[in-house]
């Protein structure tokens, strides 16, 4: 099976202030996942590859948050949490526009939320 999971040369991601989402891919079984691991959760291979996602995806679920988890985020409410099925084949949780609905095609933007830099999904251009 050809290796469709080459390592990317970029370091970091949105958690380090870089405007992109990183995921991992197994060069053996081609599994893809979002949370960083030292091994493949499907086959156990110990050499996952890092990839940078395109930022494109489809909304799987939407939740509007009206009550902030901490007082410092009161000015940010209401806000929307979305589960997005990324075009690359993994699912992630992020923020999104309040107008998003299940099934919408979306693209990632990046913005400040409280003291954090986060991915924020918006409706993809038609």
Protein backbone atom coordinates (compact mmCIF):
# COMPACT_ATOMS: atom_id res chain seq x y z
CA UNK A 1 0.00 0.00 0.00
CA UNK A 2 1.49 3.40 -0.95
CA UNK A 3 2.30 5.79 1.86
CA UNK A 4 -0.35 8.53 1.76
CA UNK A 5 0.73 9.93 5.13
CA UNK A 6 4.02 11.79 4.63
CA UNK A 7 5.24 13.95 7.51
CA UNK A 8 4.75 17.67 7.07
CA UNK A 9 7.66 19.94 7.89
CA UNK A 10 5.66 22.52 9.85
CA UNK A 11 5.79 22.51 13.64
CA UNK A 12 3.04 23.60 15.98
CA UNK A 13 -0.60 24.33 15.26
CA UNK A 14 -3.39 26.55 16.59
CA UNK A 15 -2.46 25.56 20.17
CA UNK A 16 0.90 27.29 19.67
CA UNK A 17 -0.55 30.33 17.88
CA UNK A 18 -0.10 29.02 14.32
CA UNK A 19 -3.15 29.34 12.03
CA UNK A 20 -3.67 25.71 11.13
CA UNK A 21 -5.03 22.42 12.48
CA UNK A 22 -2.71 19.43 12.75
CA UNK A 23 -3.85 15.80 12.79
CA UNK A 24 -2.12 12.43 12.61
CA UNK A 25 -2.22 9.60 10.08
CA UNK A 26 -0.94 6.02 10.22
CA UNK A 27 1.31 5.07 7.27
CA UNK A 28 0.37 1.40 7.79
CA UNK A 29 -3.44 1.30 8.06
CA UNK A 30 -4.21 4.89 6.92
CA UNK A 31 -6.24 5.71 10.08
CA UNK A 32 -6.59 9.44 10.82
CA UNK A 33 -7.19 11.10 14.18
CA UNK A 34 -7.07 14.51 15.81
CA UNK A 35 -5.63 14.13 19.33
CA UNK A 36 -1.87 13.64 19.29
CA UNK A 37 -0.71 10.11 20.16
CA UNK A 38 2.57 8.23 19.97
CA UNK A 39 0.89 5.24 18.30
CA UNK A 40 -1.97 4.45 15.94
CA UNK A 41 -5.23 3.86 17.85
CA UNK A 42 -6.37 1.37 15.18
CA UNK A 43 -3.35 -0.87 14.52
CA UNK A 44 -0.88 0.17 17.24
CA UNK A 45 1.91 1.23 14.87
CA UNK A 46 4.44 3.43 16.65
CA UNK A 47 5.25 5.83 13.81
CA UNK A 48 2.24 8.12 13.13
CA UNK A 49 2.76 10.99 10.71
CA UNK A 50 1.79 14.61 11.32
CA UNK A 51 -0.39 16.34 8.75
CA UNK A 52 -1.83 19.81 8.33
CA UNK A 53 -5.56 19.88 7.61
CA UNK A 54 -7.10 21.98 4.85
CA UNK A 55 -9.61 23.50 7.27
CA UNK A 56 -12.55 22.28 5.17
CA UNK A 57 -15.27 20.10 6.63
CA UNK A 58 -18.94 19.45 7.35
CA UNK A 59 -20.78 20.21 10.59
CA UNK A 60 -21.71 17.02 12.47
CA UNK A 61 -23.21 18.61 15.61
CA UNK A 62 -23.89 22.10 17.01
CA UNK A 63 -24.33 23.39 20.57
CA UNK A 64 -24.98 26.99 21.56
CA UNK A 65 -23.38 28.03 24.85
CA UNK A 66 -25.31 30.73 26.71
CA UNK A 67 -23.77 30.33 30.13
CA UNK A 68 -19.98 30.65 30.21
CA UNK A 69 -17.93 28.04 32.07
CA UNK A 70 -15.93 30.82 33.75
CA UNK A 71 -16.72 34.45 34.55
CA UNK A 72 -13.94 35.72 32.26
CA UNK A 73 -15.86 34.43 29.20
CA UNK A 74 -19.17 36.14 30.02
CA UNK A 75 -18.57 38.79 27.37
CA UNK A 76 -18.10 36.05 24.73
CA UNK A 77 -21.55 34.48 25.17
CA UNK A 78 -23.48 33.27 23.37
CA UNK A 79 -21.03 31.21 21.35
CA UNK A 80 -21.26 27.99 19.38
CA UNK A 81 -19.37 24.71 19.79
CA UNK A 82 -19.34 22.48 16.71
CA UNK A 83 -18.18 18.99 15.90
CA UNK A 84 -16.74 19.03 12.40
CA UNK A 85 -15.99 16.09 10.16
CA UNK A 86 -12.81 17.32 8.49
CA UNK A 87 -12.29 16.70 4.77
CA UNK A 88 -9.26 14.58 5.68
CA UNK A 89 -11.36 12.03 7.59
CA UNK A 90 -11.15 12.90 11.28
CA UNK A 91 -13.59 14.68 13.62
CA UNK A 92 -12.74 17.64 15.84
CA UNK A 93 -14.48 19.99 18.26
CA UNK A 94 -14.10 23.73 17.73
CA UNK A 95 -16.00 26.99 17.82
CA UNK A 96 -18.23 28.16 14.98
CA UNK A 97 -20.64 30.85 13.84
CA UNK A 98 -23.97 30.91 15.69
CA UNK A 99 -25.76 30.46 12.36
CA UNK A 100 -24.18 27.05 11.56
CA UNK A 101 -26.42 24.01 11.21
CA UNK A 102 -25.80 20.26 10.96
CA UNK A 103 -24.67 19.38 7.44
CA UNK A 104 -23.24 22.83 6.58
CA UNK A 105 -19.97 22.88 4.63
CA UNK A 106 -17.50 24.94 6.65
CA UNK A 107 -13.97 26.29 6.58
CA UNK A 108 -11.66 27.11 9.47
CA UNK A 109 -10.69 30.62 10.40
CA UNK A 110 -8.67 31.51 13.50
CA UNK A 111 -9.47 34.11 16.12
CA UNK A 112 -9.05 35.14 19.72
CA UNK A 113 -11.53 33.83 22.27
CA UNK A 114 -10.93 35.20 25.73
CA UNK A 115 -7.16 34.82 26.17
CA UNK A 116 -6.89 31.93 23.67
CA UNK A 117 -6.25 31.63 19.91
CA UNK A 118 -8.73 29.08 18.50
CA UNK A 119 -10.08 27.58 15.28
CA UNK A 120 -13.49 29.05 14.43
CA UNK A 121 -15.55 27.54 11.62
CA UNK A 122 -17.63 29.63 9.25
CA UNK A 123 -19.90 28.72 6.37
CA UNK A 124 -17.72 27.78 3.36
CA UNK A 125 -18.08 29.92 0.26
CA UNK A 126 -20.49 28.38 -2.25
